[in-house]
PDB file of N, CA and C in Angstrom:
ATOM      1  N   MET A   1      63.873  80.989  75.832  1.00  0.00           N
ATOM      2  CA  MET A   1      64.730  80.446  76.854  1.00  0.00           C
ATOM      3  C   MET A   1      66.127  80.128  76.307  1.00  0.00           C
ATOM      4  N   ILE A   2      66.169  79.500  75.129  1.00  0.00           N
ATOM      5  CA  ILE A   2      67.457  79.163  74.515  1.00  0.00           C
ATOM      6  C   ILE A   2      68.202  80.437  74.139  1.00  0.00           C
ATOM      7  N   ARG A   3      67.476  81.424  73.628  1.00  0.00           N
ATOM      8  CA  ARG A   3      68.119  82.699  73.281  1.00  0.00           C
ATOM      9  C   ARG A   3      68.734  83.350  74.505  1.00  0.00           C
ATOM     10  N   ALA A   4      68.037  83.327  75.610  1.00  0.00           N
ATOM     11  CA  ALA A   4      68.558  83.921  76.843  1.00  0.00           C
ATOM     12  C   ALA A   4      69.803  83.188  77.299  1.00  0.00           C
ATOM     13  N   LEU A   5      69.810  81.868  77.181  1.00  0.00           N
ATOM     14  CA  LEU A   5      70.973  81.076  77.566  1.00  0.00           C
ATOM     15  C   LEU A   5      72.162  81.388  76.653  1.00  0.00           C
ATOM     16  N   LEU A   6      71.929  81.461  75.357  1.00  0.00           N
ATOM     17  CA  LEU A   6      73.000  81.801  74.417  1.00  0.00           C
ATOM     18  C   LEU A   6      73.538  83.202  74.673  1.00  0.00           C
ATOM     19  N   ALA A   7      72.675  84.146  74.937  1.00  0.00           N
ATOM     20  CA  ALA A   7      73.111  85.510  75.241  1.00  0.00           C
ATOM     21  C   ALA A   7      73.956  85.532  76.505  1.00  0.00           C
ATOM     22  N   ALA A   8      73.547  84.781  77.517  1.00  0.00           N
ATOM     23  CA  ALA A   8      74.322  84.720  78.760  1.00  0.00           C
ATOM     24  C   ALA A   8      75.688  84.107  78.513  1.00  0.00           C
ATOM     25  N   LEU A   9      75.754  83.075  77.686  1.00  0.00           N
ATOM     26  CA  LEU A   9      77.042  82.451  77.368  1.00  0.00           C
ATOM     27  C   LEU A   9      77.960  83.412  76.618  1.00  0.00           C
ATOM     28  N   LEU A  10      77.407  84.151  75.690  1.00  0.00           N
ATOM     29  CA  LEU A  10      78.205  85.103  74.933  1.00  0.00           C
ATOM     30  C   LEU A  10      78.745  86.208  75.831  1.00  0.00           C
ATOM     31  N   LEU A  11      77.956  86.654  76.777  1.00  0.00           N
ATOM     32  CA  LEU A  11      78.386  87.730  77.662  1.00  0.00           C
ATOM     33  C   LEU A  11      79.386  87.265  78.710  1.00  0.00           C
ATOM     34  N   THR A  12      79.411  85.971  79.028  1.00  0.00           N
ATOM     35  CA  THR A  12      80.319  85.477  80.057  1.00  0.00           C
ATOM     36  C   THR A  12      81.550  84.804  79.481  1.00  0.00           C
ATOM     37  N   THR A  13      81.655  84.725  78.173  1.00  0.00           N
ATOM     38  CA  THR A  13      82.835  84.123  77.554  1.00  0.00           C
ATOM     39  C   THR A  13      84.041  85.030  77.789  1.00  0.00           C
ATOM     40  N   PRO A  14      85.106  84.495  78.376  1.00  0.00           N
ATOM     41  CA  PRO A  14      86.273  85.332  78.643  1.00  0.00           C
ATOM     42  C   PRO A  14      86.976  85.748  77.349  1.00  0.00           C
ATOM     43  N   ALA A  15      87.649  86.877  77.408  1.00  0.00           N
ATOM     44  CA  ALA A  15      88.423  87.333  76.256  1.00  0.00           C
ATOM     45  C   ALA A  15      89.569  86.353  76.022  1.00  0.00           C
ATOM     46  N   PHE A  16      89.888  86.110  74.773  1.00  0.00           N
ATOM     47  CA  PHE A  16      90.957  85.164  74.478  1.00  0.00           C
ATOM     48  C   PHE A  16      92.292  85.904  74.386  1.00  0.00           C
ATOM     49  N   ALA A  17      93.327  85.189  74.728  1.00  0.00           N
ATOM     50  CA  ALA A  17      94.669  85.737  74.589  1.00  0.00           C
ATOM     51  C   ALA A  17      95.150  85.457  73.174  1.00  0.00           C
ATOM     52  N   ALA A  18      95.922  86.362  72.653  1.00  0.00           N
ATOM     53  CA  ALA A  18      96.501  86.195  71.327  1.00  0.00           C
ATOM     54  C   ALA A  18      97.889  85.584  71.479  1.00  0.00           C
ATOM     55  N   ASP A  19      98.229  84.693  70.593  1.00  0.00           N
ATOM     56  CA  ASP A  19      99.562  84.110  70.557  1.00  0.00           C
ATOM     57  C   ASP A  19     100.288  84.711  69.365  1.00  0.00           C
ATOM     58  N   MET A  20     101.407  85.341  69.657  1.00  0.00           N
ATOM     59  CA  MET A  20     102.197  85.922  68.578  1.00  0.00           C
ATOM     60  C   MET A  20     103.665  85.648  68.847  1.00  0.00           C
ATOM     61  N   SER A  21     104.521  85.986  67.896  1.00  0.00           N
ATOM     62  CA  SER A  21     105.961  85.801  68.037  1.00  0.00           C
ATOM     63  C   SER A  21     106.665  87.133  67.874  1.00  0.00           C
ATOM     64  N   VAL A  22     107.781  87.255  68.561  1.00  0.00           N
ATOM     65  CA  VAL A  22     108.657  88.412  68.380  1.00  0.00           C
ATOM     66  C   VAL A  22     109.986  87.850  67.891  1.00  0.00           C
ATOM     67  N   PHE A  23     110.392  88.275  66.698  1.00  0.00           N
ATOM     68  CA  PHE A  23     111.633  87.820  66.075  1.00  0.00           C
ATOM     69  C   PHE A  23     112.692  88.886  66.308  1.00  0.00           C
ATOM     70  N   ILE A  24     113.757  88.528  67.009  1.00  0.00           N
ATOM     71  CA  ILE A  24     114.791  89.490  67.401  1.00  0.00           C
ATOM     72  C   ILE A  24     116.065  89.183  66.630  1.00  0.00           C
ATOM     73  N   ARG A  25     116.615  90.216  65.983  1.00  0.00           N
ATOM     74  CA  ARG A  25     117.894  90.091  65.277  1.00  0.00           C
ATOM     75  C   ARG A  25     118.905  90.994  65.969  1.00  0.00           C
ATOM     76  N   ASN A  26     119.909  90.392  66.570  1.00  0.00           N
ATOM     77  CA  ASN A  26     120.956  91.160  67.242  1.00  0.00           C
ATOM     78  C   ASN A  26     122.121  91.357  66.283  1.00  0.00           C
ATOM     79  N   GLN A  27     122.217  92.547  65.721  1.00  0.00           N
ATOM     80  CA  GLN A  27     123.279  92.866  64.776  1.00  0.00           C
ATOM     81  C   GLN A  27     124.443  93.575  65.465  1.00  0.00           C
ATOM     82  N   ARG A  28     124.418  93.592  66.773  1.00  0.00           N
ATOM     83  CA  ARG A  28     125.462  94.233  67.568  1.00  0.00           C
ATOM     84  C   ARG A  28     126.614  93.258  67.824  1.00  0.00           C
ATOM     85  N   PRO A  29     127.819  93.795  68.135  1.00  0.00           N
ATOM     86  CA  PRO A  29     128.941  92.906  68.472  1.00  0.00           C
ATOM     87  C   PRO A  29     128.863  92.394  69.911  1.00  0.00           C
ATOM     88  N   ASP A  30     127.887  92.859  70.676  1.00  0.00           N
ATOM     89  CA  ASP A  30     127.716  92.460  72.076  1.00  0.00           C
ATOM     90  C   ASP A  30     126.447  91.636  72.232  1.00  0.00           C
ATOM     91  N   GLY A  31     126.439  90.771  73.240  1.00  0.00           N
ATOM     92  CA  GLY A  31     125.214  90.091  73.615  1.00  0.00           C
ATOM     93  C   GLY A  31     124.263  91.094  74.248  1.00  0.00           C
ATOM     94  N   VAL A  32     122.991  90.923  74.046  1.00  0.00           N
ATOM     95  CA  VAL A  32     122.011  91.844  74.609  1.00  0.00           C
ATOM     96  C   VAL A  32     120.973  91.089  75.425  1.00  0.00           C
ATOM     97  N   ALA A  33     120.405  91.809  76.381  1.00  0.00           N
ATOM     98  CA  ALA A  33     119.250  91.343  77.137  1.00  0.00           C
ATOM     99  C   ALA A  33     118.057  92.164  76.658  1.00  0.00           C
ATOM    100  N   LEU A  34     116.889  91.553  76.599  1.00  0.00           N
ATOM    101  CA  LEU A  34     115.713  92.238  76.085  1.00  0.00           C
ATOM    102  C   LEU A  34     114.493  91.822  76.904  1.00  0.00           C
ATOM    103  N   GLU A  35     113.626  92.792  77.166  1.00  0.00           N
ATOM    104  CA  GLU A  35     112.334  92.539  77.792  1.00  0.00           C
ATOM    105  C   GLU A  35     111.254  93.234  76.977  1.00  0.00           C
ATOM    106  N   LEU A  36     110.043  92.728  77.068  1.00  0.00           N
ATOM    107  CA  LEU A  36     108.876  93.333  76.439  1.00  0.00           C
ATOM    108  C   LEU A  36     107.968  93.843  77.546  1.00  0.00           C
ATOM    109  N   PHE A  37     107.434  95.051  77.358  1.00  0.00           N
ATOM    110  CA  PHE A  37     106.617  95.716  78.373  1.00  0.00           C
ATOM    111  C   PHE A  37     105.262  96.092  77.786  1.00  0.00           C
ATOM    112  N   SER A  38     104.192  95.748  78.488  1.00  0.00           N
ATOM    113  CA  SER A  38     102.861  96.173  78.077  1.00  0.00           C
ATOM    114  C   SER A  38     102.673  97.632  78.458  1.00  0.00           C
ATOM    115  N   ARG A  39     102.090  98.425  77.561  1.00  0.00           N
ATOM    116  CA  ARG A  39     101.729  99.812  77.868  1.00  0.00           C
ATOM    117  C   ARG A  39     100.331  99.884  78.487  1.00  0.00           C
ATOM    118  N   ASP A  40      99.612  98.753  78.454  1.00  0.00           N
ATOM    119  CA  ASP A  40      98.233  98.729  78.917  1.00  0.00           C
ATOM    120  C   ASP A  40      98.046  98.029  80.266  1.00  0.00           C
ATOM    121  N   SER A  41      99.093  97.377  80.750  1.00  0.00           N
ATOM    122  CA  SER A  41      99.021  96.681  82.035  1.00  0.00           C
ATOM    123  C   SER A  41     100.431  96.612  82.619  1.00  0.00           C
ATOM    124  N   GLU A  42     100.579  95.883  83.672  1.00  0.00           N
ATOM    125  CA  GLU A  42     101.891  95.720  84.309  1.00  0.00           C
ATOM    126  C   GLU A  42     102.637  94.503  83.776  1.00  0.00           C
ATOM    127  N   LYS A  43     102.146  93.897  82.718  1.00  0.00           N
ATOM    128  CA  LYS A  43     102.723  92.664  82.196  1.00  0.00           C
ATOM    129  C   LYS A  43     104.091  92.907  81.559  1.00  0.00           C
ATOM    130  N   VAL A  44     105.017  91.983  81.821  1.00  0.00           N
ATOM    131  CA  VAL A  44     106.367  92.013  81.259  1.00  0.00           C
ATOM    132  C   VAL A  44     106.687  90.617  80.745  1.00  0.00           C
ATOM    133  N   TRP A  45     107.325  90.544  79.585  1.00  0.00           N
ATOM    134  CA  TRP A  45     107.746  89.260  79.036  1.00  0.00           C
ATOM    135  C   TRP A  45     109.263  89.231  78.999  1.00  0.00           C
ATOM    136  N   PRO A  46     109.981  88.193  79.381  1.00  0.00           N
ATOM    137  CA  PRO A  46     109.433  86.925  79.830  1.00  0.00           C
ATOM    138  C   PRO A  46     108.900  86.954  81.259  1.00  0.00           C
ATOM    139  N   GLY A  47     109.178  87.977  82.026  1.00  0.00           N
ATOM    140  CA  GLY A  47     108.630  88.104  83.383  1.00  0.00           C
ATOM    141  C   GLY A  47     109.434  87.317  84.402  1.00  0.00           C
ATOM    142  N   GLY A  48     109.053  87.444  85.654  1.00  0.00           N
ATOM    143  CA  GLY A  48     109.711  86.698  86.719  1.00  0.00           C
ATOM    144  C   GLY A  48     111.186  86.996  86.867  1.00  0.00           C
ATOM    145  N   ASP A  49     111.586  88.257  86.705  1.00  0.00           N
ATOM    146  CA  ASP A  49     112.999  88.657  86.800  1.00  0.00           C
ATOM    147  C   ASP A  49     113.898  87.953  85.786  1.00  0.00           C
ATOM    148  N   LYS A  50     113.328  87.528  84.669  1.00  0.00           N
ATOM    149  CA  LYS A  50     114.097  86.901  83.594  1.00  0.00           C
ATOM    150  C   LYS A  50     114.143  87.851  82.410  1.00  0.00           C
ATOM    151  N   VAL A  51     115.082  87.610  81.495  1.00  0.00           N
ATOM    152  CA  VAL A  51     115.205  88.391  80.269  1.00  0.00           C
ATOM    153  C   VAL A  51     115.449  87.439  79.109  1.00  0.00           C
ATOM    154  N   PHE A  52     115.208  87.921  77.905  1.00  0.00           N
ATOM    155  CA  PHE A  52     115.603  87.183  76.712  1.00  0.00           C
ATOM    156  C   PHE A  52     117.058  87.557  76.434  1.00  0.00           C
ATOM    157  N   LEU A  53     117.953  86.578  76.360  1.00  0.00           N
ATOM    158  CA  LEU A  53     119.361  86.830  76.048  1.00  0.00           C
ATOM    159  C   LEU A  53     119.618  86.456  74.603  1.00  0.00           C
ATOM    160  N   ILE A  54     120.253  87.382  73.863  1.00  0.00           N
ATOM    161  CA  ILE A  54     120.532  87.158  72.453  1.00  0.00           C
ATOM    162  C   ILE A  54     122.022  87.385  72.220  1.00  0.00           C
ATOM    163  N   ARG A  55     122.694  86.353  71.758  1.00  0.00           N
ATOM    164  CA  ARG A  55     124.140  86.427  71.506  1.00  0.00           C
ATOM    165  C   ARG A  55     124.445  87.396  70.364  1.00  0.00           C
ATOM    166  N   PRO A  56     125.703  87.865  70.268  1.00  0.00           N
ATOM    167  CA  PRO A  56     126.093  88.748  69.163  1.00  0.00           C
ATOM    168  C   PRO A  56     125.817  88.071  67.814  1.00  0.00           C
ATOM    169  N   GLY A  57     125.160  88.790  66.918  1.00  0.00           N
ATOM    170  CA  GLY A  57     124.877  88.289  65.588  1.00  0.00           C
ATOM    171  C   GLY A  57     123.782  87.232  65.520  1.00  0.00           C
ATOM    172  N   ALA A  58     123.163  86.916  66.643  1.00  0.00           N
ATOM    173  CA  ALA A  58     122.159  85.841  66.665  1.00  0.00           C
ATOM    174  C   ALA A  58     120.770  86.363  66.329  1.00  0.00           C
ATOM    175  N   LYS A  59     119.916  85.416  65.970  1.00  0.00           N
ATOM    176  CA  LYS A  59     118.504  85.675  65.725  1.00  0.00           C
ATOM    177  C   LYS A  59     117.719  84.749  66.633  1.00  0.00           C
ATOM    178  N   LYS A  60     116.627  85.257  67.185  1.00  0.00           N
ATOM    179  CA  LYS A  60     115.841  84.456  68.121  1.00  0.00           C
ATOM    180  C   LYS A  60     114.373  84.817  67.968  1.00  0.00           C
ATOM    181  N   SER A  61     113.526  83.800  67.948  1.00  0.00           N
ATOM    182  CA  SER A  61     112.087  84.015  67.911  1.00  0.00           C
ATOM    183  C   SER A  61     111.529  83.604  69.269  1.00  0.00           C
ATOM    184  N   VAL A  62     110.755  84.502  69.886  1.00  0.00           N
ATOM    185  CA  VAL A  62     110.174  84.197  71.196  1.00  0.00           C
ATOM    186  C   VAL A  62     108.655  84.309  71.101  1.00  0.00           C
ATOM    187  N   PRO A  63     107.954  83.294  71.590  1.00  0.00           N
ATOM    188  CA  PRO A  63     106.490  83.353  71.593  1.00  0.00           C
ATOM    189  C   PRO A  63     105.998  84.124  72.814  1.00  0.00           C
ATOM    190  N   ILE A  64     104.939  84.896  72.629  1.00  0.00           N
ATOM    191  CA  ILE A  64     104.304  85.571  73.757  1.00  0.00           C
ATOM    192  C   ILE A  64     102.796  85.395  73.639  1.00  0.00           C
ATOM    193  N   SER A  65     102.140  85.483  74.769  1.00  0.00           N
ATOM    194  CA  SER A  65     100.688  85.481  74.820  1.00  0.00           C
ATOM    195  C   SER A  65     100.274  86.843  75.356  1.00  0.00           C
ATOM    196  N   CYS A  66      99.445  87.543  74.607  1.00  0.00           N
ATOM    197  CA  CYS A  66      99.065  88.908  74.963  1.00  0.00           C
ATOM    198  C   CYS A  66      97.597  89.131  74.635  1.00  0.00           C
ATOM    199  N   GLU A  67      97.070  90.257  75.060  1.00  0.00           N
ATOM    200  CA  GLU A  67      95.680  90.598  74.779  1.00  0.00           C
ATOM    201  C   GLU A  67      95.590  91.276  73.414  1.00  0.00           C
ATOM    202  N   PRO A  68      94.696  90.859  72.538  1.00  0.00           N
ATOM    203  CA  PRO A  68      94.570  91.510  71.232  1.00  0.00           C
ATOM    204  C   PRO A  68      94.395  93.019  71.390  1.00  0.00           C
ATOM    205  N   GLY A  69      95.181  93.774  70.651  1.00  0.00           N
ATOM    206  CA  GLY A  69      95.134  95.231  70.712  1.00  0.00           C
ATOM    207  C   GLY A  69      96.054  95.834  71.760  1.00  0.00           C
ATOM    208  N   GLU A  70      96.671  95.002  72.588  1.00  0.00           N
ATOM    209  CA  GLU A  70      97.571  95.490  73.638  1.00  0.00           C
ATOM    210  C   GLU A  70      98.809  96.134  73.011  1.00  0.00           C
ATOM    211  N   HIS A  71      99.234  97.262  73.557  1.00  0.00           N
ATOM    212  CA  HIS A  71     100.436  97.949  73.092  1.00  0.00           C
ATOM    213  C   HIS A  71     101.642  97.406  73.856  1.00  0.00           C
ATOM    214  N   ILE A  72     102.640  96.937  73.100  1.00  0.00           N
ATOM    215  CA  ILE A  72     103.823  96.321  73.689  1.00  0.00           C
ATOM    216  C   ILE A  72     105.055  97.041  73.166  1.00  0.00           C
ATOM    217  N   CYS A  73     105.980  97.369  74.072  1.00  0.00           N
ATOM    218  CA  CYS A  73     107.233  98.025  73.701  1.00  0.00           C
ATOM    219  C   CYS A  73     108.401  97.151  74.154  1.00  0.00           C
ATOM    220  N   TRP A  74     109.497  97.240  73.431  1.00  0.00           N
ATOM    221  CA  TRP A  74     110.668  96.458  73.807  1.00  0.00           C
ATOM    222  C   TRP A  74     111.758  97.368  74.361  1.00  0.00           C
ATOM    223  N   GLY A  75     112.509  96.814  75.286  1.00  0.00           N
ATOM    224  CA  GLY A  75     113.663  97.491  75.855  1.00  0.00           C
ATOM    225  C   GLY A  75     114.836  96.531  75.838  1.00  0.00           C
ATOM    226  N   ALA A  76     115.989  97.009  75.407  1.00  0.00           N
ATOM    227  CA  ALA A  76     117.173  96.155  75.317  1.00  0.00           C
ATOM    228  C   ALA A  76     118.374  96.897  75.883  1.00  0.00           C
ATOM    229  N   TRP A  77     119.368  96.131  76.277  1.00  0.00           N
ATOM    230  CA  TRP A  77     120.613  96.696  76.790  1.00  0.00           C
ATOM    231  C   TRP A  77     121.721  95.666  76.616  1.00  0.00           C
ATOM    232  N   VAL A  78     122.959  96.172  76.605  1.00  0.00           N
ATOM    233  CA  VAL A  78     124.103  95.279  76.503  1.00  0.00           C
ATOM    234  C   VAL A  78     124.112  94.405  77.751  1.00  0.00           C
ATOM    235  N   ASN A  79     124.211  93.118  77.553  1.00  0.00           N
ATOM    236  CA  ASN A  79     124.208  92.188  78.674  1.00  0.00           C
ATOM    237  C   ASN A  79     125.403  92.485  79.589  1.00  0.00           C
ATOM    238  N   GLY A  80     125.104  92.847  80.824  1.00  0.00           N
ATOM    239  CA  GLY A  80     126.147  93.186  81.782  1.00  0.00           C
ATOM    240  C   GLY A  80     126.434  94.670  81.891  1.00  0.00           C
ATOM    241  N   ASP A  81     125.822  95.493  81.023  1.00  0.00           N
ATOM    242  CA  ASP A  81     126.042  96.940  81.064  1.00  0.00           C
ATOM    243  C   ASP A  81     124.760  97.656  80.670  1.00  0.00           C
ATOM    244  N   ASP A  82     123.887  97.896  81.645  1.00  0.00           N
ATOM    245  CA  ASP A  82     122.598  98.503  81.313  1.00  0.00           C
ATOM    246  C   ASP A  82     122.670 100.009  81.092  1.00  0.00           C
ATOM    247  N   SER A  83     123.891 100.558  80.966  1.00  0.00           N
ATOM    248  CA  SER A  83     124.016 101.965  80.585  1.00  0.00           C
ATOM    249  C   SER A  83     123.977 102.125  79.060  1.00  0.00           C
ATOM    250  N   ILE A  84     124.131 101.024  78.319  1.00  0.00           N
ATOM    251  CA  ILE A  84     124.046 101.039  76.848  1.00  0.00           C
ATOM    252  C   ILE A  84     122.713 100.387  76.491  1.00  0.00           C
ATOM    253  N   THR A  85     121.740 101.230  76.106  1.00  0.00           N
ATOM    254  CA  THR A  85     120.374 100.748  75.938  1.00  0.00           C
ATOM    255  C   THR A  85     119.810 101.040  74.552  1.00  0.00           C
ATOM    256  N   ALA A  86     118.695 100.386  74.279  1.00  0.00           N
ATOM    257  CA  ALA A  86     117.922 100.640  73.058  1.00  0.00           C
ATOM    258  C   ALA A  86     116.450 100.498  73.422  1.00  0.00           C
ATOM    259  N   GLY A  87     115.593 101.030  72.585  1.00  0.00           N
ATOM    260  CA  GLY A  87     114.165 100.956  72.856  1.00  0.00           C
ATOM    261  C   GLY A  87     113.815 101.738  74.106  1.00  0.00           C
ATOM    262  N   VAL A  88     112.950 101.160  74.929  1.00  0.00           N
ATOM    263  CA  VAL A  88     112.531 101.835  76.161  1.00  0.00           C
ATOM    264  C   VAL A  88     113.480 101.553  77.325  1.00  0.00           C
ATOM    265  N   GLY A  89     114.552 100.802  77.064  1.00  0.00           N
ATOM    266  CA  GLY A  89     115.560 100.526  78.081  1.00  0.00           C
ATOM    267  C   GLY A  89     115.129  99.453  79.070  1.00  0.00           C
ATOM    268  N   PRO A  90     116.017  99.121  80.008  1.00  0.00           N
ATOM    269  CA  PRO A  90     115.738  98.028  80.940  1.00  0.00           C
ATOM    270  C   PRO A  90     114.655  98.334  81.971  1.00  0.00           C
ATOM    271  N   ASP A  91     114.370  99.600  82.189  1.00  0.00           N
ATOM    272  CA  ASP A  91     113.363  99.981  83.179  1.00  0.00           C
ATOM    273  C   ASP A  91     112.089 100.536  82.549  1.00  0.00           C
ATOM    274  N   ASN A  92     111.983 100.411  81.226  1.00  0.00           N
ATOM    275  CA  ASN A  92     110.794 100.880  80.509  1.00  0.00           C
ATOM    276  C   ASN A  92     110.553 102.370  80.742  1.00  0.00           C
ATOM    277  N   ASP A  93     111.639 103.148  80.779  1.00  0.00           N
ATOM    278  CA  ASP A  93     111.489 104.570  81.092  1.00  0.00           C
ATOM    279  C   ASP A  93     112.146 105.506  80.076  1.00  0.00           C
ATOM    280  N   HIS A  94     112.549 104.982  78.913  1.00  0.00           N
ATOM    281  CA  HIS A  94     113.110 105.831  77.866  1.00  0.00           C
ATOM    282  C   HIS A  94     112.033 106.102  76.810  1.00  0.00           C
ATOM    283  N   PRO A  95     111.972 107.320  76.285  1.00  0.00           N
ATOM    284  CA  PRO A  95     111.005 107.584  75.205  1.00  0.00           C
ATOM    285  C   PRO A  95     111.429 106.860  73.925  1.00  0.00           C
ATOM    286  N   CYS A  96     110.465 106.376  73.197  1.00  0.00           N
ATOM    287  CA  CYS A  96     110.775 105.668  71.956  1.00  0.00           C
ATOM    288  C   CYS A  96     109.537 105.665  71.067  1.00  0.00           C
ATOM    289  N   ASP A  97     109.682 106.152  69.851  1.00  0.00           N
ATOM    290  CA  ASP A  97     108.566 106.195  68.911  1.00  0.00           C
ATOM    291  C   ASP A  97     108.507 104.968  68.003  1.00  0.00           C
ATOM    292  N   THR A  98     109.620 104.242  67.904  1.00  0.00           N
ATOM    293  CA  THR A  98     109.690 103.156  66.925  1.00  0.00           C
ATOM    294  C   THR A  98     109.902 101.781  67.555  1.00  0.00           C
ATOM    295  N   CYS A  99     109.682 101.651  68.853  1.00  0.00           N
ATOM    296  CA  CYS A  99     109.968 100.361  69.499  1.00  0.00           C
ATOM    297  C   CYS A  99     108.723  99.724  70.111  1.00  0.00           C
ATOM    298  N   CYS A 100     107.556 100.085  69.617  1.00  0.00           N
ATOM    299  CA  CYS A 100     106.318  99.514  70.135  1.00  0.00           C
ATOM    300  C   CYS A 100     105.509  98.905  68.992  1.00  0.00           C
ATOM    301  N   PHE A 101     104.668  97.947  69.347  1.00  0.00           N
ATOM    302  CA  PHE A 101     103.793  97.311  68.369  1.00  0.00           C
ATOM    303  C   PHE A 101     102.500  96.910  69.066  1.00  0.00           C
ATOM    304  N   ILE A 102     101.546  96.477  68.293  1.00  0.00           N
ATOM    305  CA  ILE A 102     100.244  96.093  68.822  1.00  0.00           C
ATOM    306  C   ILE A 102     100.100  94.576  68.730  1.00  0.00           C
ATOM    307  N   CYS A 103      99.636  93.977  69.811  1.00  0.00           N
ATOM    308  CA  CYS A 103      99.426  92.534  69.868  1.00  0.00           C
ATOM    309  C   CYS A 103      98.346  92.131  68.864  1.00  0.00           C
ATOM    310  N   THR A 104      98.692  91.210  67.984  1.00  0.00           N
ATOM    311  CA  THR A 104      97.776  90.685  66.990  1.00  0.00           C
ATOM    312  C   THR A 104      97.944  89.176  66.937  1.00  0.00           C
ATOM    313  N   ASP A 105      96.861  88.443  67.067  1.00  0.00           N
ATOM    314  CA  ASP A 105      96.915  86.989  67.086  1.00  0.00           C
ATOM    315  C   ASP A 105      97.561  86.435  65.819  1.00  0.00           C
ATOM    316  N   HIS A 106      98.384  85.433  65.986  1.00  0.00           N
ATOM    317  CA  HIS A 106      99.047  84.722  64.885  1.00  0.00           C
ATOM    318  C   HIS A 106      99.889  85.645  64.007  1.00  0.00           C
ATOM    319  N   SER A 107     100.607  86.573  64.633  1.00  0.00           N
ATOM    320  CA  SER A 107     101.454  87.476  63.857  1.00  0.00           C
ATOM    321  C   SER A 107     102.871  87.419  64.408  1.00  0.00           C
ATOM    322  N   THR A 108     103.788  88.040  63.670  1.00  0.00           N
ATOM    323  CA  THR A 108     105.185  88.132  64.087  1.00  0.00           C
ATOM    324  C   THR A 108     105.628  89.569  63.978  1.00  0.00           C
ATOM    325  N   GLU A 109     106.256  90.061  65.012  1.00  0.00           N
ATOM    326  CA  GLU A 109     106.843  91.397  65.019  1.00  0.00           C
ATOM    327  C   GLU A 109     108.351  91.226  65.031  1.00  0.00           C
ATOM    328  N   THR A 110     109.067  92.028  64.230  1.00  0.00           N
ATOM    329  CA  THR A 110     110.524  91.931  64.147  1.00  0.00           C
ATOM    330  C   THR A 110     111.168  93.095  64.884  1.00  0.00           C
ATOM    331  N   VAL A 111     112.183  92.767  65.695  1.00  0.00           N
ATOM    332  CA  VAL A 111     112.973  93.765  66.399  1.00  0.00           C
ATOM    333  C   VAL A 111     114.409  93.653  65.882  1.00  0.00           C
ATOM    334  N   ASP A 112     114.916  94.725  65.284  1.00  0.00           N
ATOM    335  CA  ASP A 112     116.294  94.757  64.802  1.00  0.00           C
ATOM    336  C   ASP A 112     117.135  95.584  65.765  1.00  0.00           C
ATOM    337  N   LEU A 113     118.143  94.951  66.347  1.00  0.00           N
ATOM    338  CA  LEU A 113     119.064  95.635  67.241  1.00  0.00           C
ATOM    339  C   LEU A 113     120.342  95.916  66.478  1.00  0.00           C
ATOM    340  N   ALA A 114     120.448  97.119  65.936  1.00  0.00           N
ATOM    341  CA  ALA A 114     121.613  97.508  65.135  1.00  0.00           C
ATOM    342  C   ALA A 114     122.650  98.191  66.029  1.00  0.00           C
ATOM    343  N   GLU A 115     123.865  98.301  65.497  1.00  0.00           N
ATOM    344  CA  GLU A 115     124.922  98.994  66.247  1.00  0.00           C
ATOM    345  C   GLU A 115     124.614 100.435  66.443  1.00  0.00           C
TER     346      GLU A 115
END
């Protein structure tokens, strides 16, 4: 009886979200806006029609909660001019081989925005 109860608890335990950080270094002379896009769901960080704003030459660490193993890509653009983009861009529609990472609990991923 106890084994059956323990098995039921193990099977009904929800998957945990991973907490990780994304460290962004803006080495550009312009301020940039940045969003993170899940390749495995419709999730966007920070979400809610908001973006991470990073001043010229600034560094910023942003915490995110994601599913372990989830593929996440970043898209950036010059703040106020989304025709100058990096990564997957503001609409998550540019090809990019080097702008994605995998969600891992208690880890930090670095994004370098160079000129």
